[in-house]
C-alpha atoms as a PDB file:
ATOM      1  CA  UNK A   1      -0.358  -0.134   0.191  1.00  0.00           C
ATOM      2  CA  UNK A   2       0.896   3.312  -0.487  1.00  0.00           C
ATOM      3  CA  UNK A   3       1.419   5.892   2.779  1.00  0.00           C
ATOM      4  CA  UNK A   4       1.073   9.498   2.852  1.00  0.00           C
ATOM      5  CA  UNK A   5       2.180  11.964   5.412  1.00  0.00           C
ATOM      6  CA  UNK A   6      -0.344  13.479   7.885  1.00  0.00           C
ATOM      7  CA  UNK A   7       0.460  17.309   8.876  1.00  0.00           C
ATOM      8  CA  UNK A   8      -1.229  19.478  11.063  1.00  0.00           C
ATOM      9  CA  UNK A   9      -2.133  23.087  10.579  1.00  0.00           C
ATOM     10  CA  UNK A  10       1.390  23.983  11.292  1.00  0.00           C
ATOM     11  CA  UNK A  11       2.418  21.504   9.037  1.00  0.00           C
ATOM     12  CA  UNK A  12       4.494  19.621  10.998  1.00  0.00           C
ATOM     13  CA  UNK A  13       4.664  15.942  10.353  1.00  0.00           C
ATOM     14  CA  UNK A  14       3.417  13.906  13.105  1.00  0.00           C
ATOM     15  CA  UNK A  15       2.407  10.523  11.439  1.00  0.00           C
ATOM     16  CA  UNK A  16       1.527   8.453   8.281  1.00  0.00           C
ATOM     17  CA  UNK A  17      -1.523   6.964   6.846  1.00  0.00           C
ATOM     18  CA  UNK A  18      -1.732   3.918   4.477  1.00  0.00           C
ATOM     19  CA  UNK A  19      -3.754   4.356   1.102  1.00  0.00           C
ATOM     20  CA  UNK A  20      -5.664   1.494  -0.621  1.00  0.00           C
ATOM     21  CA  UNK A  21      -3.938   1.447  -3.735  1.00  0.00           C
ATOM     22  CA  UNK A  22      -7.025   0.187  -4.852  1.00  0.00           C
ATOM     23  CA  UNK A  23      -8.548   3.700  -4.853  1.00  0.00           C
ATOM     24  CA  UNK A  24      -5.253   5.936  -4.702  1.00  0.00           C
ATOM     25  CA  UNK A  25      -2.787   3.804  -6.595  1.00  0.00           C
ATOM     26  CA  UNK A  26      -5.297   3.275  -9.854  1.00  0.00           C
ATOM     27  CA  UNK A  27      -3.485   3.731 -13.308  1.00  0.00           C
ATOM     28  CA  UNK A  28      -4.923   6.982 -14.913  1.00  0.00           C
ATOM     29  CA  UNK A  29      -7.427   7.130 -17.812  1.00  0.00           C
ATOM     30  CA  UNK A  30      -7.478  10.710 -19.396  1.00  0.00           C
ATOM     31  CA  UNK A  31     -10.884   9.071 -21.475  1.00  0.00           C
ATOM     32  CA  UNK A  32     -12.472   8.476 -18.849  1.00  0.00           C
ATOM     33  CA  UNK A  33     -11.848  11.412 -17.088  1.00  0.00           C
ATOM     34  CA  UNK A  34     -12.712  13.497 -20.167  1.00  0.00           C
ATOM     35  CA  UNK A  35     -16.430  11.015 -20.221  1.00  0.00           C
ATOM     36  CA  UNK A  36     -16.893  11.508 -16.278  1.00  0.00           C
ATOM     37  CA  UNK A  37     -16.475  15.453 -16.406  1.00  0.00           C
ATOM     38  CA  UNK A  38     -18.367  15.969 -19.460  1.00  0.00           C
ATOM     39  CA  UNK A  39     -21.614  14.203 -18.168  1.00  0.00           C
ATOM     40  CA  UNK A  40     -20.878  15.859 -14.824  1.00  0.00           C
ATOM     41  CA  UNK A  41     -21.118  19.435 -16.451  1.00  0.00           C
ATOM     42  CA  UNK A  42     -23.934  18.292 -18.298  1.00  0.00           C
ATOM     43  CA  UNK A  43     -26.354  17.723 -15.370  1.00  0.00           C
ATOM     44  CA  UNK A  44     -25.600  21.555 -14.067  1.00  0.00           C
ATOM     45  CA  UNK A  45     -26.060  22.567 -17.325  1.00  0.00           C
ATOM     46  CA  UNK A  46     -29.511  24.275 -17.873  1.00  0.00           C
ATOM     47  CA  UNK A  47     -31.457  25.218 -20.599  1.00  0.00           C
ATOM     48  CA  UNK A  48     -32.813  28.635 -20.399  1.00  0.00           C
ATOM     49  CA  UNK A  49     -34.589  29.204 -23.710  1.00  0.00           C
ATOM     50  CA  UNK A  50     -38.155  29.063 -23.432  1.00  0.00           C
ATOM     51  CA  UNK A  51     -41.455  30.269 -25.874  1.00  0.00           C
ATOM     52  CA  UNK A  52     -44.745  29.902 -25.308  1.00  0.00           C
ATOM     53  CA  UNK A  53     -47.290  28.461 -27.191  1.00  0.00           C
ATOM     54  CA  UNK A  54     -50.850  29.384 -28.092  1.00  0.00           C
ATOM     55  CA  UNK A  55     -51.852  27.280 -24.956  1.00  0.00           C
ATOM     56  CA  UNK A  56     -49.553  29.742 -22.595  1.00  0.00           C
ATOM     57  CA  UNK A  57     -49.561  33.329 -23.916  1.00  0.00           C
ATOM     58  CA  UNK A  58     -52.699  35.818 -22.485  1.00  0.00           C
ATOM     59  CA  UNK A  59     -55.185  36.179 -24.514  1.00  0.00           C
ATOM     60  CA  UNK A  60     -58.776  35.508 -24.503  1.00  0.00           C
ATOM     61  CA  UNK A  61     -60.370  32.223 -26.094  1.00  0.00           C
ATOM     62  CA  UNK A  62     -64.031  34.156 -27.589  1.00  0.00           C
ATOM     63  CA  UNK A  63     -63.440  34.175 -31.663  1.00  0.00           C
ATOM     64  CA  UNK A  64     -62.580  37.625 -32.687  1.00  0.00           C
ATOM     65  CA  UNK A  65     -65.307  37.706 -35.431  1.00  0.00           C
ATOM     66  CA  UNK A  66     -68.046  35.340 -36.918  1.00  0.00           C
ATOM     67  CA  UNK A  67     -66.809  33.210 -38.790  1.00  0.00           C
ATOM     68  CA  UNK A  68     -68.762  34.096 -42.284  1.00  0.00           C
ATOM     69  CA  UNK A  69     -70.633  37.394 -43.436  1.00  0.00           C
ATOM     70  CA  UNK A  70     -67.535  39.806 -42.742  1.00  0.00           C
ATOM     71  CA  UNK A  71     -65.882  39.643 -45.782  1.00  0.00           C
ATOM     72  CA  UNK A  72     -62.360  38.640 -43.661  1.00  0.00           C
ATOM     73  CA  UNK A  73     -60.192  35.237 -42.632  1.00  0.00           C
ATOM     74  CA  UNK A  74     -61.753  33.452 -40.846  1.00  0.00           C
ATOM     75  CA  UNK A  75     -60.139  33.673 -37.471  1.00  0.00           C
ATOM     76  CA  UNK A  76     -60.750  31.188 -34.663  1.00  0.00           C
ATOM     77  CA  UNK A  77     -58.463  32.636 -31.731  1.00  0.00           C
ATOM     78  CA  UNK A  78     -56.584  35.631 -30.924  1.00  0.00           C
ATOM     79  CA  UNK A  79     -53.620  33.272 -29.789  1.00  0.00           C
ATOM     80  CA  UNK A  80     -52.732  32.101 -33.447  1.00  0.00           C
ATOM     81  CA  UNK A  81     -49.470  31.417 -34.145  1.00  0.00           C
ATOM     82  CA  UNK A  82     -50.287  33.712 -36.816  1.00  0.00           C
ATOM     83  CA  UNK A  83     -50.825  37.296 -34.811  1.00  0.00           C
ATOM     84  CA  UNK A  84     -48.537  39.367 -33.363  1.00  0.00           C
ATOM     85  CA  UNK A  85     -48.367  38.398 -30.028  1.00  0.00           C
ATOM     86  CA  UNK A  86     -49.900  34.699 -30.545  1.00  0.00           C
ATOM     87  CA  UNK A  87     -47.758  31.576 -29.623  1.00  0.00           C
ATOM     88  CA  UNK A  88     -44.731  30.308 -31.245  1.00  0.00           C
ATOM     89  CA  UNK A  89     -44.670  27.122 -33.439  1.00  0.00           C
ATOM     90  CA  UNK A  90     -42.474  24.366 -32.312  1.00  0.00           C
ATOM     91  CA  UNK A  91     -40.319  26.916 -29.980  1.00  0.00           C
ATOM     92  CA  UNK A  92     -37.480  26.195 -27.632  1.00  0.00           C
ATOM     93  CA  UNK A  93     -37.946  24.992 -24.531  1.00  0.00           C
ATOM     94  CA  UNK A  94     -36.116  24.464 -21.268  1.00  0.00           C
ATOM     95  CA  UNK A  95     -34.128  21.370 -22.176  1.00  0.00           C
ATOM     96  CA  UNK A  96     -32.403  18.495 -19.808  1.00  0.00           C
ATOM     97  CA  UNK A  97     -28.857  17.935 -20.736  1.00  0.00           C
ATOM     98  CA  UNK A  98     -28.475  15.623 -18.737  1.00  0.00           C
ATOM     99  CA  UNK A  99     -27.774  11.908 -19.039  1.00  0.00           C
ATOM    100  CA  UNK A 100     -25.932   9.165 -17.190  1.00  0.00           C
ATOM    101  CA  UNK A 101     -22.882   7.185 -17.387  1.00  0.00           C
ATOM    102  CA  UNK A 102     -22.716   3.127 -15.489  1.00  0.00           C
ATOM    103  CA  UNK A 103     -22.114   3.673 -11.822  1.00  0.00           C
ATOM    104  CA  UNK A 104     -18.421   1.608 -12.350  1.00  0.00           C
ATOM    105  CA  UNK A 105     -17.380   3.644 -14.611  1.00  0.00           C
ATOM    106  CA  UNK A 106     -18.542   7.043 -12.152  1.00  0.00           C
ATOM    107  CA  UNK A 107     -16.425   5.185  -9.179  1.00  0.00           C
ATOM    108  CA  UNK A 108     -13.642   4.239 -12.102  1.00  0.00           C
ATOM    109  CA  UNK A 109     -13.052   7.844 -13.001  1.00  0.00           C
ATOM    110  CA  UNK A 110     -12.994   8.881  -9.303  1.00  0.00           C
ATOM    111  CA  UNK A 111     -10.714   6.616  -8.554  1.00  0.00           C
ATOM    112  CA  UNK A 112      -8.445   7.374 -11.101  1.00  0.00           C
ATOM    113  CA  UNK A 113      -8.756  11.666  -9.830  1.00  0.00           C
ATOM    114  CA  UNK A 114      -7.840  10.255  -6.748  1.00  0.00           C
ATOM    115  CA  UNK A 115      -4.639   8.014  -7.993  1.00  0.00           C
ATOM    116  CA  UNK A 116      -3.793  11.211 -10.435  1.00  0.00           C
ATOM    117  CA  UNK A 117      -3.483  13.959  -7.383  1.00  0.00           C
ATOM    118  CA  UNK A 118      -1.652  11.103  -5.128  1.00  0.00           C
ATOM    119  CA  UNK A 119       0.723  10.815  -7.987  1.00  0.00           C
ATOM    120  CA  UNK A 120       1.328  14.171  -9.088  1.00  0.00           C
ATOM    121  CA  UNK A 121       2.339  14.772  -5.101  1.00  0.00           C
ATOM    122  CA  UNK A 122      -1.002  17.310  -4.647  1.00  0.00           C
ATOM    123  CA  UNK A 123      -2.928  15.127  -2.441  1.00  0.00           C
ATOM    124  CA  UNK A 124      -1.986  16.625   1.250  1.00  0.00           C
ATOM    125  CA  UNK A 125      -2.978  14.680   4.384  1.00  0.00           C
ATOM    126  CA  UNK A 126      -4.052  16.449   7.839  1.00  0.00           C
ATOM    127  CA  UNK A 127      -5.258  15.499  10.747  1.00  0.00           C
ATOM    128  CA  UNK A 128      -7.365  17.889  11.793  1.00  0.00           C
ATOM    129  CA  UNK A 129      -8.732  21.103  10.272  1.00  0.00           C
ATOM    130  CA  UNK A 130     -11.269  22.723  13.619  1.00  0.00           C
ATOM    131  CA  UNK A 131     -11.959  26.665  13.679  1.00  0.00           C
ATOM    132  CA  UNK A 132     -13.139  27.828  16.691  1.00  0.00           C
ATOM    133  CA  UNK A 133     -14.725  30.885  14.571  1.00  0.00           C
ATOM    134  CA  UNK A 134     -15.680  31.938  11.135  1.00  0.00           C
ATOM    135  CA  UNK A 135     -12.888  33.597  10.559  1.00  0.00           C
ATOM    136  CA  UNK A 136     -12.012  34.187   7.066  1.00  0.00           C
ATOM    137  CA  UNK A 137      -8.482  35.521   8.043  1.00  0.00           C
ATOM    138  CA  UNK A 138      -7.241  32.498   9.998  1.00  0.00           C
ATOM    139  CA  UNK A 139      -8.261  30.046   7.291  1.00  0.00           C
ATOM    140  CA  UNK A 140      -5.966  32.083   4.498  1.00  0.00           C
ATOM    141  CA  UNK A 141      -3.234  31.842   7.806  1.00  0.00           C
ATOM    142  CA  UNK A 142      -3.256  28.056   6.900  1.00  0.00           C
ATOM    143  CA  UNK A 143      -3.034  28.413   3.804  1.00  0.00           C
ATOM    144  CA  UNK A 144      -0.290  29.859   3.754  1.00  0.00           C
ATOM    145  CA  UNK A 145       1.537  28.050   5.856  1.00  0.00           C
ATOM    146  CA  UNK A 146       1.091  24.660   4.453  1.00  0.00           C
ATOM    147  CA  UNK A 147       1.947  26.510   0.746  1.00  0.00           C
ATOM    148  CA  UNK A 148      -0.955  25.626  -0.892  1.00  0.00           C
ATOM    149  CA  UNK A 149      -3.121  28.785  -3.160  1.00  0.00           C
ATOM    150  CA  UNK A 150      -5.327  26.606  -4.430  1.00  0.00           C
ATOM    151  CA  UNK A 151      -6.867  23.283  -3.230  1.00  0.00           C
ATOM    152  CA  UNK A 152     -10.624  20.768  -2.777  1.00  0.00           C
ATOM    153  CA  UNK A 153     -10.261  20.657   0.635  1.00  0.00           C
ATOM    154  CA  UNK A 154     -12.714  17.665   2.137  1.00  0.00           C
ATOM    155  CA  UNK A 155     -14.346  17.485   5.461  1.00  0.00           C
ATOM    156  CA  UNK A 156     -16.310  15.481   7.844  1.00  0.00           C
ATOM    157  CA  UNK A 157     -20.101  16.630   8.264  1.00  0.00           C
ATOM    158  CA  UNK A 158     -20.768  19.488  11.073  1.00  0.00           C
ATOM    159  CA  UNK A 159     -17.464  21.485  10.269  1.00  0.00           C
ATOM    160  CA  UNK A 160     -19.200  24.334   9.384  1.00  0.00           C
ATOM    161  CA  UNK A 161     -16.480  27.131  10.728  1.00  0.00           C
ATOM    162  CA  UNK A 162     -14.535  26.379   8.094  1.00  0.00           C
ATOM    163  CA  UNK A 163     -17.115  25.890   5.713  1.00  0.00           C
ATOM    164  CA  UNK A 164     -17.844  30.172   6.500  1.00  0.00           C
ATOM    165  CA  UNK A 165     -14.647  30.589   6.643  1.00  0.00           C
ATOM    166  CA  UNK A 166     -13.719  29.254   3.120  1.00  0.00           C
ATOM    167  CA  UNK A 167     -16.391  30.106   1.234  1.00  0.00           C
ATOM    168  CA  UNK A 168     -15.088  33.548   0.438  1.00  0.00           C
ATOM    169  CA  UNK A 169     -11.536  33.030  -0.511  1.00  0.00           C
ATOM    170  CA  UNK A 170     -11.363  32.732  -4.077  1.00  0.00           C
ATOM    171  CA  UNK A 171      -9.315  29.645  -5.376  1.00  0.00           C
ATOM    172  CA  UNK A 172     -10.432  26.986  -2.762  1.00  0.00           C
ATOM    173  CA  UNK A 173     -13.747  25.234  -1.694  1.00  0.00           C
ATOM    174  CA  UNK A 174     -14.588  22.872   1.111  1.00  0.00           C
ATOM    175  CA  UNK A 175     -16.801  19.773   0.643  1.00  0.00           C
ATOM    176  CA  UNK A 176     -18.074  17.330   2.668  1.00  0.00           C
ATOM    177  CA  UNK A 177     -16.994  13.546   2.088  1.00  0.00           C
ATOM    178  CA  UNK A 178     -20.206  12.442   0.399  1.00  0.00           C
ATOM    179  CA  UNK A 179     -19.955  15.617  -1.899  1.00  0.00           C
ATOM    180  CA  UNK A 180     -16.253  14.347  -3.453  1.00  0.00           C
ATOM    181  CA  UNK A 181     -16.265  14.301  -6.985  1.00  0.00           C
ATOM    182  CA  UNK A 182     -14.351  14.280  -9.907  1.00  0.00           C
ATOM    183  CA  UNK A 183     -14.762  17.747 -11.916  1.00  0.00           C
ATOM    184  CA  UNK A 184     -13.965  19.247  -8.677  1.00  0.00           C
ATOM    185  CA  UNK A 185     -11.406  17.229  -7.811  1.00  0.00           C
ATOM    186  CA  UNK A 186      -9.829  18.097 -11.094  1.00  0.00           C
ATOM    187  CA  UNK A 187     -10.927  21.877 -11.163  1.00  0.00           C
ATOM    188  CA  UNK A 188      -8.397  22.522  -7.964  1.00  0.00           C
ATOM    189  CA  UNK A 189      -4.187  22.144  -7.864  1.00  0.00           C
ATOM    190  CA  UNK A 190      -4.179  20.462  -5.171  1.00  0.00           C
ATOM    191  CA  UNK A 191      -6.377  18.084  -2.888  1.00  0.00           C
ATOM    192  CA  UNK A 192      -6.743  18.266   0.840  1.00  0.00           C
ATOM    193  CA  UNK A 193      -8.251  15.256   2.431  1.00  0.00           C
ATOM    194  CA  UNK A 194      -8.386  15.026   6.507  1.00  0.00           C
ATOM    195  CA  UNK A 195      -7.743  11.847   8.043  1.00  0.00           C
ATOM    196  CA  UNK A 196     -10.878  10.490   8.842  1.00  0.00           C
ATOM    197  CA  UNK A 197     -12.172  11.122   5.392  1.00  0.00           C
ATOM    198  CA  UNK A 198      -9.847   8.803   4.133  1.00  0.00           C
ATOM    199  CA  UNK A 199     -11.144   6.125   5.487  1.00  0.00           C
ATOM    200  CA  UNK A 200     -14.517   6.647   4.324  1.00  0.00           C
ATOM    201  CA  UNK A 201     -13.696   7.055   0.710  1.00  0.00           C
ATOM    202  CA  UNK A 202     -12.141   4.432   0.252  1.00  0.00           C
ATOM    203  CA  UNK A 203     -15.180   2.629   1.933  1.00  0.00           C
ATOM    204  CA  UNK A 204     -17.430   4.396  -0.493  1.00  0.00           C
ATOM    205  CA  UNK A 205     -15.493   3.090  -3.663  1.00  0.00           C
ATOM    206  CA  UNK A 206     -14.784  -0.454  -2.329  1.00  0.00           C
ATOM    207  CA  UNK A 207     -17.971  -1.259  -1.092  1.00  0.00           C
END
């Protein structure tokens, strides 16, 4: 098994943690990573273009004039697509761009993303990262000590002070263990894991 050094928030080495090769030592295939990221971005995409049909535009349902005897072309509704202000024929509607890849492919993509960060030596394991108060300045100070200027930080549930301290700092994002995903891992230069999260991630991907 691979071994990663465990640091505290002062960047002092305090131990080591074993990393399962089935999660952090997988051969990286760029095509799979591309497929998973493409799926994630498509699932986040929203179709905004939308037009109203003749049943949705505002307008009375009354016939504008009688069918015969006026000398005018027959008409049944002011919401007709042929009239100004009427509905649109075959216009765009909000489109769902989402799709799914097989579960095995999604899991493999996440393993590859974790393996890529470990292989690049951009994976940092911390023993703990608790903040007594919501203080952006303190968070920035810790990141400067760790010499990290861009990172995805994965924490256990309930670390609200850290989440709120980091949310306004550019180049950083804090996620719970359950929210770890390929796109966010690859979108940041470093991956910071709290020591308890390593076991949770391995359990999730090997179950």
